[in-house]
Every structure is written in structure tokens, then in C-alpha cells.
Amino acid sequence: MLVVLVLLATVLLRVAIITAVAYLLLPRGAACPHCNIDMLAIRNRFFDLLVPALQRRWCVECGWNGIVRRMQRTPSRTEARRPLIPS
């Protein structure tokens, strides 16, 4: 029984390592990896629910399409400096 648990643990560890490396190899953000132009998002409700950290995108300029990592939106300088309106 111990041998089965050790073999199962090694298989699960191998799957986790391969998944992490594949995720880190994906391009990041909305810029095309080939021509560095903003790409259009391809919406797919099932894919967005299944893997929310990834997004399908398509480049209008060169025609590249693929999966990229979603970037968290950071507030721009004008949004960061916007004063709060007292009520």
C-alpha cells in the first residue's frame, strides 16, 4: 500500500510541475507576443468559468491567436489621484 501511495504522489507532483511550467510559459497581458500590438479578447463563457486565470486573445495585425495569462488591472495615475467626494 505504501508503494502505491509513493507512486501516486510522484505522479501528482509531476503533473503539478508540468502545469506550473506550462502556465509560466504563456505570454502575459494583452500585447501580442509577435508584433506587440493590443489584441482582442475572445469571450467564451465556459472557458472563462473553467480557467479564470487564462484568456483567449486574437491579434488583428498579424493574426496570432492563443491563450494568454490575465493581468490584474492596475489603476491609472488619474484614477489613483482622484479625490474622494465628501457626502
N, C-alpha and C. Protein backbone atom coordinates (compact mmCIF):
# COMPACT_ATOMS: atom_id res chain seq x y z
N MET A 1 0.82 -1.20 0.00
CA MET A 1 0.00 0.00 0.00
C MET A 1 0.86 1.26 0.00
N LEU A 2 1.96 1.20 0.73
CA LEU A 2 2.86 2.35 0.79
C LEU A 2 3.49 2.63 -0.57
N VAL A 3 3.80 1.59 -1.31
CA VAL A 3 4.39 1.76 -2.64
C VAL A 3 3.39 2.47 -3.56
N VAL A 4 2.14 2.10 -3.47
CA VAL A 4 1.11 2.73 -4.31
C VAL A 4 0.98 4.21 -3.97
N LEU A 5 1.01 4.55 -2.70
CA LEU A 5 0.92 5.95 -2.28
C LEU A 5 2.12 6.77 -2.75
N VAL A 6 3.30 6.19 -2.68
CA VAL A 6 4.51 6.89 -3.14
C VAL A 6 4.45 7.11 -4.64
N LEU A 7 4.04 6.10 -5.40
CA LEU A 7 3.94 6.25 -6.85
C LEU A 7 2.86 7.27 -7.23
N LEU A 8 1.73 7.25 -6.52
CA LEU A 8 0.68 8.23 -6.78
C LEU A 8 1.16 9.65 -6.47
N ALA A 9 1.91 9.80 -5.39
CA ALA A 9 2.44 11.11 -5.03
C ALA A 9 3.42 11.62 -6.08
N THR A 10 4.25 10.75 -6.61
CA THR A 10 5.20 11.19 -7.64
C THR A 10 4.48 11.58 -8.93
N VAL A 11 3.43 10.87 -9.28
CA VAL A 11 2.67 11.21 -10.48
C VAL A 11 1.98 12.56 -10.29
N LEU A 12 1.38 12.78 -9.14
CA LEU A 12 0.71 14.06 -8.86
C LEU A 12 1.70 15.21 -8.82
N LEU A 13 2.88 14.97 -8.27
CA LEU A 13 3.90 16.01 -8.24
C LEU A 13 4.38 16.35 -9.65
N ARG A 14 4.52 15.34 -10.49
CA ARG A 14 4.93 15.57 -11.87
C ARG A 14 3.88 16.37 -12.63
N VAL A 15 2.61 16.06 -12.43
CA VAL A 15 1.53 16.81 -13.08
C VAL A 15 1.52 18.26 -12.60
N ALA A 16 1.73 18.48 -11.32
CA ALA A 16 1.75 19.84 -10.77
C ALA A 16 2.91 20.65 -11.34
N ILE A 17 4.08 20.04 -11.47
CA ILE A 17 5.25 20.74 -12.02
C ILE A 17 5.02 21.09 -13.50
N ILE A 18 4.50 20.16 -14.27
CA ILE A 18 4.25 20.41 -15.69
C ILE A 18 3.20 21.51 -15.87
N THR A 19 2.16 21.50 -15.04
CA THR A 19 1.13 22.53 -15.12
C THR A 19 1.71 23.91 -14.79
N ALA A 20 2.53 24.00 -13.75
CA ALA A 20 3.13 25.27 -13.36
C ALA A 20 4.06 25.81 -14.44
N VAL A 21 4.87 24.96 -15.03
CA VAL A 21 5.80 25.40 -16.08
C VAL A 21 5.03 25.84 -17.32
N ALA A 22 3.99 25.11 -17.70
CA ALA A 22 3.19 25.50 -18.87
C ALA A 22 2.51 26.84 -18.63
N TYR A 23 2.02 27.08 -17.43
CA TYR A 23 1.39 28.36 -17.10
C TYR A 23 2.39 29.51 -17.19
N LEU A 24 3.60 29.29 -16.68
CA LEU A 24 4.61 30.35 -16.70
C LEU A 24 5.14 30.62 -18.11
N LEU A 25 5.03 29.68 -19.02
CA LEU A 25 5.49 29.88 -20.39
C LEU A 25 4.49 30.66 -21.25
N LEU A 26 3.25 30.78 -20.80
CA LEU A 26 2.25 31.51 -21.57
C LEU A 26 2.57 33.00 -21.57
N PRO A 27 2.30 33.70 -22.69
CA PRO A 27 2.53 35.15 -22.71
C PRO A 27 1.60 35.85 -21.72
N ARG A 28 2.04 37.01 -21.27
CA ARG A 28 1.31 37.75 -20.24
C ARG A 28 0.68 39.01 -20.84
N GLY A 29 -0.58 39.27 -20.50
CA GLY A 29 -1.22 40.53 -20.86
C GLY A 29 -1.86 40.54 -22.23
N ALA A 30 -2.22 41.75 -22.66
CA ALA A 30 -2.99 41.93 -23.89
C ALA A 30 -2.12 42.23 -25.10
N ALA A 31 -0.81 42.33 -24.95
CA ALA A 31 0.07 42.63 -26.08
C ALA A 31 0.43 41.35 -26.83
N CYS A 32 0.42 41.45 -28.15
CA CYS A 32 0.75 40.30 -29.00
C CYS A 32 2.22 39.93 -28.82
N PRO A 33 2.54 38.65 -28.65
CA PRO A 33 3.94 38.26 -28.49
C PRO A 33 4.77 38.45 -29.77
N HIS A 34 4.12 38.57 -30.93
CA HIS A 34 4.85 38.72 -32.18
C HIS A 34 5.04 40.18 -32.59
N CYS A 35 3.94 40.96 -32.58
CA CYS A 35 4.04 42.33 -33.08
C CYS A 35 3.82 43.39 -31.99
N ASN A 36 3.58 42.98 -30.76
CA ASN A 36 3.46 43.87 -29.60
C ASN A 36 2.34 44.90 -29.74
N ILE A 37 1.23 44.50 -30.38
CA ILE A 37 0.04 45.34 -30.52
C ILE A 37 -1.06 44.73 -29.66
N ASP A 38 -1.93 45.58 -29.11
CA ASP A 38 -3.02 45.08 -28.27
C ASP A 38 -3.90 44.12 -29.06
N MET A 39 -4.27 43.03 -28.39
CA MET A 39 -5.09 42.00 -29.02
C MET A 39 -6.52 42.11 -28.52
N LEU A 40 -7.43 41.51 -29.27
CA LEU A 40 -8.83 41.47 -28.89
C LEU A 40 -9.10 40.20 -28.09
N ALA A 41 -9.93 40.33 -27.06
CA ALA A 41 -10.30 39.17 -26.25
C ALA A 41 -11.38 38.37 -26.95
N ILE A 42 -11.26 37.07 -26.93
CA ILE A 42 -12.26 36.17 -27.47
C ILE A 42 -13.02 35.61 -26.26
N ARG A 43 -14.28 35.97 -26.15
CA ARG A 43 -15.09 35.56 -25.00
C ARG A 43 -15.63 34.16 -25.19
N ASN A 44 -15.49 33.35 -24.14
CA ASN A 44 -16.06 32.02 -24.10
C ASN A 44 -16.48 31.78 -22.65
N ARG A 45 -17.78 31.73 -22.43
CA ARG A 45 -18.29 31.63 -21.06
C ARG A 45 -17.78 30.38 -20.35
N PHE A 46 -17.75 29.25 -21.04
CA PHE A 46 -17.31 28.00 -20.43
C PHE A 46 -15.83 28.06 -20.07
N PHE A 47 -14.99 28.56 -20.99
CA PHE A 47 -13.55 28.66 -20.74
C PHE A 47 -13.26 29.64 -19.60
N ASP A 48 -13.99 30.77 -19.57
CA ASP A 48 -13.78 31.76 -18.52
C ASP A 48 -14.16 31.21 -17.14
N LEU A 49 -15.18 30.39 -17.08
CA LEU A 49 -15.57 29.79 -15.80
C LEU A 49 -14.63 28.66 -15.40
N LEU A 50 -14.16 27.90 -16.38
CA LEU A 50 -13.31 26.75 -16.09
C LEU A 50 -11.91 27.18 -15.64
N VAL A 51 -11.30 28.13 -16.35
CA VAL A 51 -9.95 28.59 -16.05
C VAL A 51 -9.94 30.12 -16.04
N PRO A 52 -10.29 30.76 -14.91
CA PRO A 52 -10.39 32.22 -14.90
C PRO A 52 -9.04 32.93 -14.99
N ALA A 53 -7.93 32.25 -14.76
CA ALA A 53 -6.61 32.89 -14.82
C ALA A 53 -6.09 33.03 -16.25
N LEU A 54 -6.74 32.35 -17.22
CA LEU A 54 -6.30 32.40 -18.61
C LEU A 54 -7.36 33.06 -19.48
N GLN A 55 -6.93 33.55 -20.63
CA GLN A 55 -7.84 34.23 -21.55
C GLN A 55 -7.41 33.97 -22.98
N ARG A 56 -8.38 33.76 -23.88
CA ARG A 56 -8.08 33.61 -25.30
C ARG A 56 -8.03 34.99 -25.93
N ARG A 57 -7.04 35.22 -26.79
CA ARG A 57 -6.91 36.53 -27.45
C ARG A 57 -6.54 36.33 -28.91
N TRP A 58 -6.84 37.36 -29.73
CA TRP A 58 -6.58 37.33 -31.16
C TRP A 58 -5.99 38.67 -31.57
N CYS A 59 -4.91 38.63 -32.36
CA CYS A 59 -4.25 39.84 -32.84
C CYS A 59 -4.80 40.19 -34.22
N VAL A 60 -5.28 41.41 -34.34
CA VAL A 60 -5.83 41.88 -35.61
C VAL A 60 -4.72 42.11 -36.63
N GLU A 61 -3.57 42.55 -36.16
CA GLU A 61 -2.46 42.92 -37.06
C GLU A 61 -1.84 41.69 -37.75
N CYS A 62 -1.40 40.71 -36.95
CA CYS A 62 -0.66 39.58 -37.54
C CYS A 62 -1.48 38.29 -37.59
N GLY A 63 -2.65 38.25 -36.95
CA GLY A 63 -3.49 37.07 -36.99
C GLY A 63 -3.17 36.01 -35.94
N TRP A 64 -2.25 36.31 -35.01
CA TRP A 64 -1.92 35.33 -33.97
C TRP A 64 -3.10 35.19 -33.03
N ASN A 65 -3.42 33.96 -32.66
CA ASN A 65 -4.42 33.75 -31.63
C ASN A 65 -3.94 32.68 -30.70
N GLY A 66 -4.31 32.80 -29.45
CA GLY A 66 -3.87 31.83 -28.47
C GLY A 66 -4.32 32.20 -27.07
N ILE A 67 -3.78 31.47 -26.13
CA ILE A 67 -4.15 31.66 -24.73
C ILE A 67 -3.05 32.46 -24.05
N VAL A 68 -3.46 33.45 -23.27
CA VAL A 68 -2.52 34.28 -22.52
C VAL A 68 -2.95 34.31 -21.05
N ARG A 69 -2.01 34.70 -20.21
CA ARG A 69 -2.34 34.89 -18.79
C ARG A 69 -3.03 36.22 -18.61
N ARG A 70 -4.07 36.25 -17.80
CA ARG A 70 -4.75 37.51 -17.50
C ARG A 70 -3.87 38.34 -16.58
N MET A 71 -3.86 39.62 -16.86
CA MET A 71 -3.14 40.55 -15.98
C MET A 71 -4.15 41.26 -15.11
N GLN A 72 -3.79 41.48 -13.86
CA GLN A 72 -4.67 42.25 -12.99
C GLN A 72 -4.59 43.70 -13.41
N ARG A 73 -5.73 44.33 -13.50
CA ARG A 73 -5.78 45.72 -13.94
C ARG A 73 -5.29 46.61 -12.82
N THR A 74 -4.29 47.43 -13.11
CA THR A 74 -3.79 48.38 -12.13
C THR A 74 -4.40 49.74 -12.41
N PRO A 75 -4.75 50.49 -11.39
CA PRO A 75 -5.36 51.80 -11.62
C PRO A 75 -4.37 52.76 -12.26
N SER A 76 -4.88 53.58 -13.17
CA SER A 76 -4.01 54.55 -13.82
C SER A 76 -3.70 55.69 -12.85
N ARG A 77 -2.81 56.58 -13.26
CA ARG A 77 -2.42 57.68 -12.38
C ARG A 77 -3.59 58.61 -12.09
N THR A 78 -4.44 58.83 -13.07
CA THR A 78 -5.58 59.72 -12.85
C THR A 78 -6.59 59.09 -11.90
N GLU A 79 -6.77 57.77 -11.98
CA GLU A 79 -7.68 57.10 -11.06
C GLU A 79 -7.11 57.09 -9.65
N ALA A 80 -5.80 56.96 -9.53
CA ALA A 80 -5.18 56.91 -8.21
C ALA A 80 -5.24 58.27 -7.52
N ARG A 81 -5.20 59.36 -8.29
CA ARG A 81 -5.20 60.70 -7.71
C ARG A 81 -6.60 61.27 -7.53
N ARG A 82 -7.60 60.59 -8.01
CA ARG A 82 -8.95 61.12 -7.94
C ARG A 82 -9.39 61.26 -6.47
N PRO A 83 -9.74 62.49 -6.06
CA PRO A 83 -10.13 62.69 -4.66
C PRO A 83 -11.51 62.10 -4.39
N LEU A 84 -11.71 61.71 -3.15
CA LEU A 84 -13.00 61.20 -2.75
C LEU A 84 -13.97 62.37 -2.57
N ILE A 85 -15.18 62.19 -3.01
CA ILE A 85 -16.20 63.23 -2.89
C ILE A 85 -16.86 63.09 -1.53
N PRO A 86 -16.78 64.12 -0.67
CA PRO A 86 -17.41 64.01 0.64
C PRO A 86 -18.93 64.04 0.50
N SER A 87 -19.59 63.24 1.32
CA SER A 87 -21.05 63.21 1.24
C SER A 87 -21.69 63.92 2.39
